[in-house]
């Protein structure tokens, strides 16, 4: 049997557990390189240039692109937390590492994240 020479990674169908694991790592990089610096910059501007918290929230509420940016960062951070809790539960053997249990926990994690994201968007908007 010949091994494939050029593997197209976009054509490989990964299981849900692998997709959640990969996207958990990607969201972790996004949180570290984008969300944390953005939060630090926001807190700096809140402390330095604005007179009050109400003025800061009015600025964010009046600017749709800023609101979308902060909402996106919040949702990605929450995704990272949800999948991180799932990984920790599996590491502590509170969730079985069988294929069926892993797939089921992936589905539950994704469902909880989607429900939480919808609630977050409805509350913010």
PDB file of N, CA and C in Angstrom:
ATOM      1  N   UNK A   1       0.838  -1.174   0.000  1.00  0.00           N
ATOM      2  CA  UNK A   1       0.000   0.000   0.000  1.00  0.00           C
ATOM      3  C   UNK A   1       0.889   1.245   0.000  1.00  0.00           C
ATOM      4  N   UNK A   2       0.600   2.159  -0.928  1.00  0.00           N
ATOM      5  CA  UNK A   2       1.398   3.377  -1.042  1.00  0.00           C
ATOM      6  C   UNK A   2       0.871   4.449  -0.096  1.00  0.00           C
ATOM      7  N   UNK A   3       1.784   5.151   0.492  1.00  0.00           N
ATOM      8  CA  UNK A   3       1.408   6.272   1.347  1.00  0.00           C
ATOM      9  C   UNK A   3       1.148   7.500   0.478  1.00  0.00           C
ATOM     10  N   UNK A   4       0.208   8.339   0.893  1.00  0.00           N
ATOM     11  CA  UNK A   4      -0.044   9.548   0.106  1.00  0.00           C
ATOM     12  C   UNK A   4       1.141  10.510   0.197  1.00  0.00           C
ATOM     13  N   UNK A   5       1.435  11.142  -0.919  1.00  0.00           N
ATOM     14  CA  UNK A   5       2.561  12.067  -0.976  1.00  0.00           C
ATOM     15  C   UNK A   5       2.129  13.457  -0.517  1.00  0.00           C
ATOM     16  N   UNK A   6       1.040  13.956  -1.071  1.00  0.00           N
ATOM     17  CA  UNK A   6       0.533  15.279  -0.712  1.00  0.00           C
ATOM     18  C   UNK A   6      -0.797  15.119   0.006  1.00  0.00           C
ATOM     19  N   UNK A   7      -0.795  15.398   1.291  1.00  0.00           N
ATOM     20  CA  UNK A   7      -2.020  15.273   2.068  1.00  0.00           C
ATOM     21  C   UNK A   7      -2.692  16.640   2.118  1.00  0.00           C
ATOM     22  N   UNK A   8      -3.944  16.678   1.696  1.00  0.00           N
ATOM     23  CA  UNK A   8      -4.717  17.913   1.772  1.00  0.00           C
ATOM     24  C   UNK A   8      -5.433  17.938   3.121  1.00  0.00           C
ATOM     25  N   UNK A   9      -4.971  18.805   4.013  1.00  0.00           N
ATOM     26  CA  UNK A   9      -5.519  18.850   5.366  1.00  0.00           C
ATOM     27  C   UNK A   9      -6.959  19.331   5.398  1.00  0.00           C
ATOM     28  N   UNK A  10      -7.385  20.050   4.365  1.00  0.00           N
ATOM     29  CA  UNK A  10      -8.760  20.543   4.328  1.00  0.00           C
ATOM     30  C   UNK A  10      -9.756  19.447   3.963  1.00  0.00           C
ATOM     31  N   UNK A  11      -9.274  18.340   3.392  1.00  0.00           N
ATOM     32  CA  UNK A  11     -10.171  17.250   3.000  1.00  0.00           C
ATOM     33  C   UNK A  11     -10.291  16.168   4.068  1.00  0.00           C
ATOM     34  N   UNK A  12      -9.463  16.246   5.102  1.00  0.00           N
ATOM     35  CA  UNK A  12      -9.523  15.258   6.170  1.00  0.00           C
ATOM     36  C   UNK A  12     -10.690  15.598   7.082  1.00  0.00           C
ATOM     37  N   UNK A  13     -11.564  14.626   7.322  1.00  0.00           N
ATOM     38  CA  UNK A  13     -12.721  14.849   8.192  1.00  0.00           C
ATOM     39  C   UNK A  13     -12.326  14.471   9.617  1.00  0.00           C
ATOM     40  N   UNK A  14     -12.152  15.502  10.436  1.00  0.00           N
ATOM     41  CA  UNK A  14     -11.773  15.282  11.825  1.00  0.00           C
ATOM     42  C   UNK A  14     -13.011  15.055  12.685  1.00  0.00           C
ATOM     43  N   UNK A  15     -12.895  14.230  13.720  1.00  0.00           N
ATOM     44  CA  UNK A  15     -14.030  14.062  14.636  1.00  0.00           C
ATOM     45  C   UNK A  15     -14.245  15.341  15.456  1.00  0.00           C
ATOM     46  N   UNK A  16     -15.434  15.454  16.034  1.00  0.00           N
ATOM     47  CA  UNK A  16     -15.798  16.641  16.804  1.00  0.00           C
ATOM     48  C   UNK A  16     -14.831  16.882  17.960  1.00  0.00           C
ATOM     49  N   UNK A  17     -14.376  15.818  18.596  1.00  0.00           N
ATOM     50  CA  UNK A  17     -13.448  15.975  19.724  1.00  0.00           C
ATOM     51  C   UNK A  17     -12.141  16.619  19.272  1.00  0.00           C
ATOM     52  N   UNK A  18     -11.650  16.237  18.104  1.00  0.00           N
ATOM     53  CA  UNK A  18     -10.415  16.825  17.581  1.00  0.00           C
ATOM     54  C   UNK A  18     -10.628  18.286  17.202  1.00  0.00           C
ATOM     55  N   UNK A  19     -11.776  18.595  16.611  1.00  0.00           N
ATOM     56  CA  UNK A  19     -12.063  19.984  16.254  1.00  0.00           C
ATOM     57  C   UNK A  19     -12.135  20.872  17.490  1.00  0.00           C
ATOM     58  N   UNK A  20     -12.768  20.385  18.550  1.00  0.00           N
ATOM     59  CA  UNK A  20     -12.843  21.161  19.783  1.00  0.00           C
ATOM     60  C   UNK A  20     -11.457  21.343  20.399  1.00  0.00           C
ATOM     61  N   UNK A  21     -10.639  20.323  20.335  1.00  0.00           N
ATOM     62  CA  UNK A  21      -9.290  20.416  20.887  1.00  0.00           C
ATOM     63  C   UNK A  21      -8.444  21.430  20.116  1.00  0.00           C
ATOM     64  N   UNK A  22      -8.512  21.377  18.801  1.00  0.00           N
ATOM     65  CA  UNK A  22      -7.741  22.306  17.972  1.00  0.00           C
ATOM     66  C   UNK A  22      -8.230  23.735  18.162  1.00  0.00           C
ATOM     67  N   UNK A  23      -9.552  23.924  18.150  1.00  0.00           N
ATOM     68  CA  UNK A  23     -10.077  25.282  18.307  1.00  0.00           C
ATOM     69  C   UNK A  23      -9.857  25.807  19.728  1.00  0.00           C
ATOM     70  N   UNK A  24      -9.764  24.905  20.708  1.00  0.00           N
ATOM     71  CA  UNK A  24      -9.428  25.341  22.069  1.00  0.00           C
ATOM     72  C   UNK A  24      -8.023  25.940  22.085  1.00  0.00           C
ATOM     73  N   UNK A  25      -7.100  25.302  21.414  1.00  0.00           N
ATOM     74  CA  UNK A  25      -5.729  25.820  21.347  1.00  0.00           C
ATOM     75  C   UNK A  25      -5.677  27.141  20.589  1.00  0.00           C
ATOM     76  N   UNK A  26      -6.410  27.217  19.481  1.00  0.00           N
ATOM     77  CA  UNK A  26      -6.434  28.467  18.710  1.00  0.00           C
ATOM     78  C   UNK A  26      -7.069  29.604  19.509  1.00  0.00           C
ATOM     79  N   UNK A  27      -8.143  29.302  20.224  1.00  0.00           N
ATOM     80  CA  UNK A  27      -8.779  30.344  21.034  1.00  0.00           C
ATOM     81  C   UNK A  27      -7.859  30.770  22.175  1.00  0.00           C
ATOM     82  N   UNK A  28      -7.064  29.856  22.697  1.00  0.00           N
ATOM     83  CA  UNK A  28      -6.092  30.207  23.730  1.00  0.00           C
ATOM     84  C   UNK A  28      -5.044  31.175  23.214  1.00  0.00           C
ATOM     85  N   UNK A  29      -4.576  30.951  21.993  1.00  0.00           N
ATOM     86  CA  UNK A  29      -3.624  31.892  21.394  1.00  0.00           C
ATOM     87  C   UNK A  29      -4.279  33.248  21.161  1.00  0.00           C
ATOM     88  N   UNK A  30      -5.533  33.249  20.714  1.00  0.00           N
ATOM     89  CA  UNK A  30      -6.253  34.502  20.487  1.00  0.00           C
ATOM     90  C   UNK A  30      -6.442  35.252  21.801  1.00  0.00           C
ATOM     91  N   UNK A  31      -6.803  34.528  22.846  1.00  0.00           N
ATOM     92  CA  UNK A  31      -6.988  35.166  24.155  1.00  0.00           C
ATOM     93  C   UNK A  31      -5.670  35.772  24.632  1.00  0.00           C
ATOM     94  N   UNK A  32      -4.579  35.042  24.473  1.00  0.00           N
ATOM     95  CA  UNK A  32      -3.287  35.520  24.966  1.00  0.00           C
ATOM     96  C   UNK A  32      -2.774  36.713  24.168  1.00  0.00           C
ATOM     97  N   UNK A  33      -2.876  36.643  22.846  1.00  0.00           N
ATOM     98  CA  UNK A  33      -2.277  37.682  22.017  1.00  0.00           C
ATOM     99  C   UNK A  33      -3.213  38.840  21.676  1.00  0.00           C
ATOM    100  N   UNK A  34      -4.524  38.648  21.760  1.00  0.00           N
ATOM    101  CA  UNK A  34      -5.468  39.704  21.382  1.00  0.00           C
ATOM    102  C   UNK A  34      -6.297  40.175  22.574  1.00  0.00           C
ATOM    103  N   UNK A  35      -6.960  39.263  23.253  1.00  0.00           N
ATOM    104  CA  UNK A  35      -7.907  39.652  24.308  1.00  0.00           C
ATOM    105  C   UNK A  35      -7.191  40.283  25.500  1.00  0.00           C
ATOM    106  N   UNK A  36      -6.118  39.677  25.971  1.00  0.00           N
ATOM    107  CA  UNK A  36      -5.417  40.244  27.125  1.00  0.00           C
ATOM    108  C   UNK A  36      -4.834  41.625  26.833  1.00  0.00           C
ATOM    109  N   UNK A  37      -4.119  41.826  25.714  1.00  0.00           N
ATOM    110  CA  UNK A  37      -3.643  43.187  25.427  1.00  0.00           C
ATOM    111  C   UNK A  37      -4.782  44.187  25.219  1.00  0.00           C
ATOM    112  N   UNK A  38      -5.851  43.755  24.567  1.00  0.00           N
ATOM    113  CA  UNK A  38      -6.990  44.648  24.360  1.00  0.00           C
ATOM    114  C   UNK A  38      -7.621  45.043  25.692  1.00  0.00           C
ATOM    115  N   UNK A  39      -7.708  44.103  26.608  1.00  0.00           N
ATOM    116  CA  UNK A  39      -8.240  44.402  27.940  1.00  0.00           C
ATOM    117  C   UNK A  39      -7.324  45.367  28.685  1.00  0.00           C
ATOM    118  N   UNK A  40      -6.016  45.144  28.597  1.00  0.00           N
ATOM    119  CA  UNK A  40      -5.068  46.038  29.269  1.00  0.00           C
ATOM    120  C   UNK A  40      -5.143  47.452  28.695  1.00  0.00           C
ATOM    121  N   UNK A  41      -5.225  47.559  27.374  1.00  0.00           N
ATOM    122  CA  UNK A  41      -5.331  48.873  26.732  1.00  0.00           C
ATOM    123  C   UNK A  41      -6.631  49.554  27.128  1.00  0.00           C
ATOM    124  N   UNK A  42      -7.711  48.804  27.160  1.00  0.00           N
ATOM    125  CA  UNK A  42      -9.010  49.369  27.540  1.00  0.00           C
ATOM    126  C   UNK A  42      -8.986  49.882  28.972  1.00  0.00           C
ATOM    127  N   UNK A  43      -8.408  49.108  29.863  1.00  0.00           N
ATOM    128  CA  UNK A  43      -8.320  49.544  31.256  1.00  0.00           C
ATOM    129  C   UNK A  43      -7.420  50.770  31.403  1.00  0.00           C
ATOM    130  N   UNK A  44      -6.357  50.823  30.609  1.00  0.00           N
ATOM    131  CA  UNK A  44      -5.473  51.992  30.640  1.00  0.00           C
ATOM    132  C   UNK A  44      -6.226  53.245  30.207  1.00  0.00           C
ATOM    133  N   UNK A  45      -6.935  53.153  29.083  1.00  0.00           N
ATOM    134  CA  UNK A  45      -7.689  54.316  28.612  1.00  0.00           C
ATOM    135  C   UNK A  45      -8.827  54.679  29.556  1.00  0.00           C
ATOM    136  N   UNK A  46      -9.398  53.702  30.180  1.00  0.00           N
ATOM    137  CA  UNK A  46     -10.448  53.976  31.159  1.00  0.00           C
ATOM    138  C   UNK A  46      -9.879  54.768  32.335  1.00  0.00           C
ATOM    139  N   UNK A  47      -8.693  54.382  32.772  1.00  0.00           N
ATOM    140  CA  UNK A  47      -8.087  55.053  33.920  1.00  0.00           C
ATOM    141  C   UNK A  47      -7.492  56.415  33.559  1.00  0.00           C
ATOM    142  N   UNK A  48      -6.970  56.564  32.344  1.00  0.00           N
ATOM    143  CA  UNK A  48      -6.236  57.778  31.991  1.00  0.00           C
ATOM    144  C   UNK A  48      -7.084  58.883  31.377  1.00  0.00           C
ATOM    145  N   UNK A  49      -7.821  58.558  30.341  1.00  0.00           N
ATOM    146  CA  UNK A  49      -8.409  59.629  29.543  1.00  0.00           C
ATOM    147  C   UNK A  49      -9.883  59.882  29.801  1.00  0.00           C
ATOM    148  N   UNK A  50     -10.562  58.964  30.383  1.00  0.00           N
ATOM    149  CA  UNK A  50     -11.988  59.151  30.589  1.00  0.00           C
ATOM    150  C   UNK A  50     -12.270  59.500  32.044  1.00  0.00           C
ATOM    151  N   UNK A  51     -13.301  60.265  32.241  1.00  0.00           N
ATOM    152  CA  UNK A  51     -13.599  60.750  33.586  1.00  0.00           C
ATOM    153  C   UNK A  51     -14.350  59.726  34.429  1.00  0.00           C
ATOM    154  N   UNK A  52     -15.134  58.890  33.784  1.00  0.00           N
ATOM    155  CA  UNK A  52     -15.935  57.973  34.580  1.00  0.00           C
ATOM    156  C   UNK A  52     -16.225  56.698  33.806  1.00  0.00           C
ATOM    157  N   UNK A  53     -16.686  55.715  34.543  1.00  0.00           N
ATOM    158  CA  UNK A  53     -17.076  54.447  33.949  1.00  0.00           C
ATOM    159  C   UNK A  53     -18.259  54.637  33.004  1.00  0.00           C
ATOM    160  N   UNK A  54     -19.174  55.516  33.363  1.00  0.00           N
ATOM    161  CA  UNK A  54     -20.350  55.769  32.524  1.00  0.00           C
ATOM    162  C   UNK A  54     -19.943  56.329  31.167  1.00  0.00           C
ATOM    163  N   UNK A  55     -18.919  57.184  31.159  1.00  0.00           N
ATOM    164  CA  UNK A  55     -18.432  57.747  29.900  1.00  0.00           C
ATOM    165  C   UNK A  55     -17.800  56.651  29.036  1.00  0.00           C
ATOM    166  N   UNK A  56     -17.080  55.741  29.668  1.00  0.00           N
ATOM    167  CA  UNK A  56     -16.454  54.632  28.947  1.00  0.00           C
ATOM    168  C   UNK A  56     -17.510  53.713  28.337  1.00  0.00           C
ATOM    169  N   UNK A  57     -18.523  53.363  29.117  1.00  0.00           N
ATOM    170  CA  UNK A  57     -19.577  52.493  28.590  1.00  0.00           C
ATOM    171  C   UNK A  57     -20.382  53.197  27.509  1.00  0.00           C
ATOM    172  N   UNK A  58     -20.570  54.510  27.637  1.00  0.00           N
ATOM    173  CA  UNK A  58     -21.271  55.260  26.594  1.00  0.00           C
ATOM    174  C   UNK A  58     -20.473  55.250  25.297  1.00  0.00           C
ATOM    175  N   UNK A  59     -19.144  55.333  25.404  1.00  0.00           N
ATOM    176  CA  UNK A  59     -18.289  55.279  24.217  1.00  0.00           C
ATOM    177  C   UNK A  59     -18.427  53.935  23.513  1.00  0.00           C
ATOM    178  N   UNK A  60     -18.402  52.856  24.279  1.00  0.00           N
ATOM    179  CA  UNK A  60     -18.510  51.525  23.678  1.00  0.00           C
ATOM    180  C   UNK A  60     -19.905  51.302  23.097  1.00  0.00           C
ATOM    181  N   UNK A  61     -20.938  51.743  23.798  1.00  0.00           N
ATOM    182  CA  UNK A  61     -22.305  51.540  23.314  1.00  0.00           C
ATOM    183  C   UNK A  61     -22.610  52.374  22.077  1.00  0.00           C
ATOM    184  N   UNK A  62     -21.948  53.515  21.931  1.00  0.00           N
ATOM    185  CA  UNK A  62     -22.218  54.362  20.770  1.00  0.00           C
ATOM    186  C   UNK A  62     -21.444  53.918  19.533  1.00  0.00           C
ATOM    187  N   UNK A  63     -20.356  53.200  19.721  1.00  0.00           N
ATOM    188  CA  UNK A  63     -19.525  52.769  18.601  1.00  0.00           C
ATOM    189  C   UNK A  63     -19.795  51.286  18.333  1.00  0.00           C
ATOM    190  N   UNK A  64     -20.457  50.997  17.224  1.00  0.00           N
ATOM    191  CA  UNK A  64     -20.853  49.618  16.912  1.00  0.00           C
ATOM    192  C   UNK A  64     -19.654  48.703  16.680  1.00  0.00           C
ATOM    193  N   UNK A  65     -18.598  49.205  16.052  1.00  0.00           N
ATOM    194  CA  UNK A  65     -17.435  48.355  15.793  1.00  0.00           C
ATOM    195  C   UNK A  65     -16.712  47.999  17.094  1.00  0.00           C
ATOM    196  N   UNK A  66     -16.641  48.937  18.040  1.00  0.00           N
ATOM    197  CA  UNK A  66     -16.046  48.618  19.342  1.00  0.00           C
ATOM    198  C   UNK A  66     -16.884  47.601  20.097  1.00  0.00           C
ATOM    199  N   UNK A  67     -18.188  47.771  20.035  1.00  0.00           N
ATOM    200  CA  UNK A  67     -19.088  46.830  20.705  1.00  0.00           C
ATOM    201  C   UNK A  67     -18.926  45.431  20.110  1.00  0.00           C
ATOM    202  N   UNK A  68     -18.836  45.346  18.777  1.00  0.00           N
ATOM    203  CA  UNK A  68     -18.651  44.056  18.110  1.00  0.00           C
ATOM    204  C   UNK A  68     -17.309  43.438  18.485  1.00  0.00           C
ATOM    205  N   UNK A  69     -16.260  44.261  18.564  1.00  0.00           N
ATOM    206  CA  UNK A  69     -14.932  43.765  18.921  1.00  0.00           C
ATOM    207  C   UNK A  69     -14.925  43.188  20.334  1.00  0.00           C
ATOM    208  N   UNK A  70     -15.483  43.925  21.287  1.00  0.00           N
ATOM    209  CA  UNK A  70     -15.514  43.435  22.665  1.00  0.00           C
ATOM    210  C   UNK A  70     -16.416  42.207  22.805  1.00  0.00           C
ATOM    211  N   UNK A  71     -17.526  42.191  22.096  1.00  0.00           N
ATOM    212  CA  UNK A  71     -18.421  41.034  22.143  1.00  0.00           C
ATOM    213  C   UNK A  71     -17.741  39.799  21.556  1.00  0.00           C
ATOM    214  N   UNK A  72     -17.033  39.967  20.447  1.00  0.00           N
ATOM    215  CA  UNK A  72     -16.311  38.843  19.831  1.00  0.00           C
ATOM    216  C   UNK A  72     -15.244  38.300  20.775  1.00  0.00           C
ATOM    217  N   UNK A  73     -14.502  39.204  21.392  1.00  0.00           N
ATOM    218  CA  UNK A  73     -13.467  38.772  22.338  1.00  0.00           C
ATOM    219  C   UNK A  73     -14.079  38.037  23.523  1.00  0.00           C
ATOM    220  N   UNK A  74     -15.203  38.525  24.012  1.00  0.00           N
ATOM    221  CA  UNK A  74     -15.873  37.874  25.139  1.00  0.00           C
ATOM    222  C   UNK A  74     -16.347  36.473  24.764  1.00  0.00           C
ATOM    223  N   UNK A  75     -16.916  36.332  23.580  1.00  0.00           N
ATOM    224  CA  UNK A  75     -17.418  35.025  23.150  1.00  0.00           C
ATOM    225  C   UNK A  75     -16.269  34.040  22.940  1.00  0.00           C
ATOM    226  N   UNK A  76     -15.170  34.501  22.353  1.00  0.00           N
ATOM    227  CA  UNK A  76     -14.016  33.617  22.158  1.00  0.00           C
ATOM    228  C   UNK A  76     -13.413  33.222  23.504  1.00  0.00           C
ATOM    229  N   UNK A  77     -13.360  34.162  24.438  1.00  0.00           N
ATOM    230  CA  UNK A  77     -12.864  33.847  25.779  1.00  0.00           C
ATOM    231  C   UNK A  77     -13.757  32.812  26.460  1.00  0.00           C
ATOM    232  N   UNK A  78     -15.065  32.980  26.332  1.00  0.00           N
ATOM    233  CA  UNK A  78     -15.994  32.015  26.926  1.00  0.00           C
ATOM    234  C   UNK A  78     -15.846  30.638  26.279  1.00  0.00           C
ATOM    235  N   UNK A  79     -15.626  30.595  24.962  1.00  0.00           N
ATOM    236  CA  UNK A  79     -15.404  29.312  24.289  1.00  0.00           C
ATOM    237  C   UNK A  79     -14.174  28.624  24.880  1.00  0.00           C
ATOM    238  N   UNK A  80     -13.122  29.397  25.081  1.00  0.00           N
ATOM    239  CA  UNK A  80     -11.897  28.838  25.636  1.00  0.00           C
ATOM    240  C   UNK A  80     -12.141  28.294  27.044  1.00  0.00           C
ATOM    241  N   UNK A  81     -12.942  28.997  27.828  1.00  0.00           N
ATOM    242  CA  UNK A  81     -13.259  28.538  29.182  1.00  0.00           C
ATOM    243  C   UNK A  81     -14.081  27.246  29.138  1.00  0.00           C
ATOM    244  N   UNK A  82     -15.122  27.211  28.306  1.00  0.00           N
ATOM    245  CA  UNK A  82     -15.971  26.016  28.221  1.00  0.00           C
ATOM    246  C   UNK A  82     -15.159  24.789  27.809  1.00  0.00           C
ATOM    247  N   UNK A  83     -14.365  24.912  26.754  1.00  0.00           N
ATOM    248  CA  UNK A  83     -13.594  23.755  26.296  1.00  0.00           C
ATOM    249  C   UNK A  83     -12.473  23.422  27.277  1.00  0.00           C
ATOM    250  N   UNK A  84     -11.942  24.435  27.961  1.00  0.00           N
ATOM    251  CA  UNK A  84     -10.917  24.185  28.973  1.00  0.00           C
ATOM    252  C   UNK A  84     -11.457  23.398  30.151  1.00  0.00           C
ATOM    253  N   UNK A  85     -12.672  23.729  30.578  1.00  0.00           N
ATOM    254  CA  UNK A  85     -13.302  22.978  31.671  1.00  0.00           C
ATOM    255  C   UNK A  85     -13.522  21.531  31.245  1.00  0.00           C
ATOM    256  N   UNK A  86     -13.936  21.329  30.001  1.00  0.00           N
ATOM    257  CA  UNK A  86     -14.127  19.961  29.494  1.00  0.00           C
ATOM    258  C   UNK A  86     -12.805  19.187  29.530  1.00  0.00           C
ATOM    259  N   UNK A  87     -11.725  19.831  29.068  1.00  0.00           N
ATOM    260  CA  UNK A  87     -10.416  19.168  29.090  1.00  0.00           C
ATOM    261  C   UNK A  87      -9.983  18.846  30.521  1.00  0.00           C
ATOM    262  N   UNK A  88     -10.230  19.771  31.445  1.00  0.00           N
ATOM    263  CA  UNK A  88      -9.839  19.525  32.838  1.00  0.00           C
ATOM    264  C   UNK A  88     -10.648  18.386  33.451  1.00  0.00           C
ATOM    265  N   UNK A  89     -11.942  18.334  33.146  1.00  0.00           N
ATOM    266  CA  UNK A  89     -12.763  17.233  33.654  1.00  0.00           C
ATOM    267  C   UNK A  89     -12.266  15.889  33.125  1.00  0.00           C
ATOM    268  N   UNK A  90     -11.814  15.883  31.873  1.00  0.00           N
ATOM    269  CA  UNK A  90     -11.271  14.640  31.317  1.00  0.00           C
ATOM    270  C   UNK A  90      -9.916  14.313  31.951  1.00  0.00           C
ATOM    271  N   UNK A  91      -9.091  15.346  32.205  1.00  0.00           N
ATOM    272  CA  UNK A  91      -7.789  15.107  32.838  1.00  0.00           C
ATOM    273  C   UNK A  91      -7.934  14.558  34.252  1.00  0.00           C
ATOM    274  N   UNK A  92      -8.968  15.001  34.964  1.00  0.00           N
ATOM    275  CA  UNK A  92      -9.212  14.514  36.325  1.00  0.00           C
ATOM    276  C   UNK A  92     -10.048  13.236  36.334  1.00  0.00           C
ATOM    277  N   UNK A  93     -10.292  12.674  35.163  1.00  0.00           N
ATOM    278  CA  UNK A  93     -11.042  11.425  34.984  1.00  0.00           C
ATOM    279  C   UNK A  93     -12.469  11.508  35.526  1.00  0.00           C
ATOM    280  N   UNK A  94     -13.036  12.698  35.508  1.00  0.00           N
ATOM    281  CA  UNK A  94     -14.442  12.856  35.872  1.00  0.00           C
ATOM    282  C   UNK A  94     -15.340  12.580  34.673  1.00  0.00           C
ATOM    283  N   UNK A  95     -14.755  12.646  33.488  1.00  0.00           N
ATOM    284  CA  UNK A  95     -15.415  12.229  32.249  1.00  0.00           C
ATOM    285  C   UNK A  95     -14.565  11.105  31.681  1.00  0.00           C
ATOM    286  N   UNK A  96     -15.198  10.029  31.326  1.00  0.00           N
ATOM    287  CA  UNK A  96     -14.471   8.893  30.769  1.00  0.00           C
ATOM    288  C   UNK A  96     -13.781   9.305  29.470  1.00  0.00           C
ATOM    289  N   UNK A  97     -12.640   8.708  29.199  1.00  0.00           N
ATOM    290  CA  UNK A  97     -11.911   9.017  27.977  1.00  0.00           C
ATOM    291  C   UNK A  97     -12.255   8.068  26.834  1.00  0.00           C
ATOM    292  N   UNK A  98     -13.354   7.351  26.975  1.00  0.00           N
ATOM    293  CA  UNK A  98     -13.784   6.487  25.878  1.00  0.00           C
ATOM    294  C   UNK A  98     -14.251   7.361  24.717  1.00  0.00           C
ATOM    295  N   UNK A  99     -14.275   6.790  23.547  1.00  0.00           N
ATOM    296  CA  UNK A  99     -14.647   7.549  22.357  1.00  0.00           C
ATOM    297  C   UNK A  99     -16.073   8.071  22.457  1.00  0.00           C
ATOM    298  N   UNK A 100     -16.979   7.244  22.951  1.00  0.00           N
ATOM    299  CA  UNK A 100     -18.377   7.644  23.073  1.00  0.00           C
ATOM    300  C   UNK A 100     -18.543   8.785  24.081  1.00  0.00           C
ATOM    301  N   UNK A 101     -17.895   8.674  25.239  1.00  0.00           N
ATOM    302  CA  UNK A 101     -17.995   9.719  26.267  1.00  0.00           C
ATOM    303  C   UNK A 101     -17.338  11.014  25.799  1.00  0.00           C
ATOM    304  N   UNK A 102     -16.229  10.905  25.087  1.00  0.00           N
ATOM    305  CA  UNK A 102     -15.561  12.102  24.568  1.00  0.00           C
ATOM    306  C   UNK A 102     -16.434  12.818  23.554  1.00  0.00           C
ATOM    307  N   UNK A 103     -17.048  12.051  22.676  1.00  0.00           N
ATOM    308  CA  UNK A 103     -17.922  12.650  21.668  1.00  0.00           C
ATOM    309  C   UNK A 103     -19.134  13.301  22.326  1.00  0.00           C
ATOM    310  N   UNK A 104     -19.703  12.627  23.305  1.00  0.00           N
ATOM    311  CA  UNK A 104     -20.885  13.165  24.002  1.00  0.00           C
ATOM    312  C   UNK A 104     -20.529  14.433  24.786  1.00  0.00           C
ATOM    313  N   UNK A 105     -19.374  14.422  25.450  1.00  0.00           N
ATOM    314  CA  UNK A 105     -18.965  15.617  26.197  1.00  0.00           C
ATOM    315  C   UNK A 105     -18.652  16.776  25.251  1.00  0.00           C
ATOM    316  N   UNK A 106     -18.160  16.465  24.063  1.00  0.00           N
ATOM    317  CA  UNK A 106     -17.934  17.513  23.057  1.00  0.00           C
ATOM    318  C   UNK A 106     -19.252  18.131  22.614  1.00  0.00           C
ATOM    319  N   UNK A 107     -20.244  17.287  22.386  1.00  0.00           N
ATOM    320  CA  UNK A 107     -21.559  17.797  21.985  1.00  0.00           C
ATOM    321  C   UNK A 107     -22.175  18.664  23.078  1.00  0.00           C
ATOM    322  N   UNK A 108     -22.090  18.206  24.311  1.00  0.00           N
ATOM    323  CA  UNK A 108     -22.661  18.964  25.434  1.00  0.00           C
ATOM    324  C   UNK A 108     -21.931  20.296  25.602  1.00  0.00           C
ATOM    325  N   UNK A 109     -20.603  20.269  25.509  1.00  0.00           N
ATOM    326  CA  UNK A 109     -19.820  21.498  25.632  1.00  0.00           C
ATOM    327  C   UNK A 109     -20.194  22.486  24.543  1.00  0.00           C
ATOM    328  N   UNK A 110     -20.296  22.006  23.319  1.00  0.00           N
ATOM    329  CA  UNK A 110     -20.647  22.881  22.203  1.00  0.00           C
ATOM    330  C   UNK A 110     -22.057  23.441  22.362  1.00  0.00           C
ATOM    331  N   UNK A 111     -22.987  22.616  22.822  1.00  0.00           N
ATOM    332  CA  UNK A 111     -24.364  23.074  23.026  1.00  0.00           C
ATOM    333  C   UNK A 111     -24.435  24.138  24.126  1.00  0.00           C
ATOM    334  N   UNK A 112     -23.753  23.892  25.237  1.00  0.00           N
ATOM    335  CA  UNK A 112     -23.733  24.871  26.327  1.00  0.00           C
ATOM    336  C   UNK A 112     -23.097  26.182  25.883  1.00  0.00           C
ATOM    337  N   UNK A 113     -22.013  26.078  25.103  1.00  0.00           N
ATOM    338  CA  UNK A 113     -21.363  27.286  24.596  1.00  0.00           C
ATOM    339  C   UNK A 113     -22.291  28.070  23.676  1.00  0.00           C
ATOM    340  N   UNK A 114     -22.991  27.386  22.781  1.00  0.00           N
ATOM    341  CA  UNK A 114     -23.897  28.082  21.863  1.00  0.00           C
ATOM    342  C   UNK A 114     -25.041  28.758  22.610  1.00  0.00           C
ATOM    343  N   UNK A 115     -25.597  28.082  23.602  1.00  0.00           N
ATOM    344  CA  UNK A 115     -26.667  28.687  24.407  1.00  0.00           C
ATOM    345  C   UNK A 115     -26.140  29.916  25.140  1.00  0.00           C
ATOM    346  N   UNK A 116     -24.965  29.790  25.737  1.00  0.00           N
ATOM    347  CA  UNK A 116     -24.374  30.917  26.450  1.00  0.00           C
ATOM    348  C   UNK A 116     -24.059  32.078  25.508  1.00  0.00           C
ATOM    349  N   UNK A 117     -23.587  31.775  24.306  1.00  0.00           N
ATOM    350  CA  UNK A 117     -23.281  32.831  23.335  1.00  0.00           C
ATOM    351  C   UNK A 117     -24.537  33.573  22.900  1.00  0.00           C
ATOM    352  N   UNK A 118     -25.609  32.833  22.674  1.00  0.00           N
ATOM    353  CA  UNK A 118     -26.871  33.472  22.284  1.00  0.00           C
ATOM    354  C   UNK A 118     -27.374  34.381  23.401  1.00  0.00           C
ATOM    355  N   UNK A 119     -27.310  33.898  24.628  1.00  0.00           N
ATOM    356  CA  UNK A 119     -27.737  34.718  25.772  1.00  0.00           C
ATOM    357  C   UNK A 119     -26.851  35.957  25.897  1.00  0.00           C
ATOM    358  N   UNK A 120     -25.551  35.795  25.718  1.00  0.00           N
ATOM    359  CA  UNK A 120     -24.625  36.929  25.801  1.00  0.00           C
ATOM    360  C   UNK A 120     -24.934  37.970  24.742  1.00  0.00           C
ATOM    361  N   UNK A 121     -25.149  37.533  23.513  1.00  0.00           N
ATOM    362  CA  UNK A 121     -25.461  38.473  22.429  1.00  0.00           C
ATOM    363  C   UNK A 121     -26.772  39.190  22.709  1.00  0.00           C
ATOM    364  N   UNK A 122     -27.778  38.468  23.180  1.00  0.00           N
ATOM    365  CA  UNK A 122     -29.071  39.095  23.472  1.00  0.00           C
ATOM    366  C   UNK A 122     -28.968  40.098  24.616  1.00  0.00           C
ATOM    367  N   UNK A 123     -28.150  39.806  25.606  1.00  0.00           N
ATOM    368  CA  UNK A 123     -27.991  40.729  26.734  1.00  0.00           C
ATOM    369  C   UNK A 123     -27.218  41.976  26.308  1.00  0.00           C
ATOM    370  N   UNK A 124     -26.165  41.785  25.526  1.00  0.00           N
ATOM    371  CA  UNK A 124     -25.330  42.921  25.129  1.00  0.00           C
ATOM    372  C   UNK A 124     -26.048  43.817  24.135  1.00  0.00           C
ATOM    373  N   UNK A 125     -26.753  43.218  23.190  1.00  0.00           N
ATOM    374  CA  UNK A 125     -27.437  44.041  22.189  1.00  0.00           C
ATOM    375  C   UNK A 125     -28.737  44.539  22.767  1.00  0.00           C
TER     376      UNK A 125
END
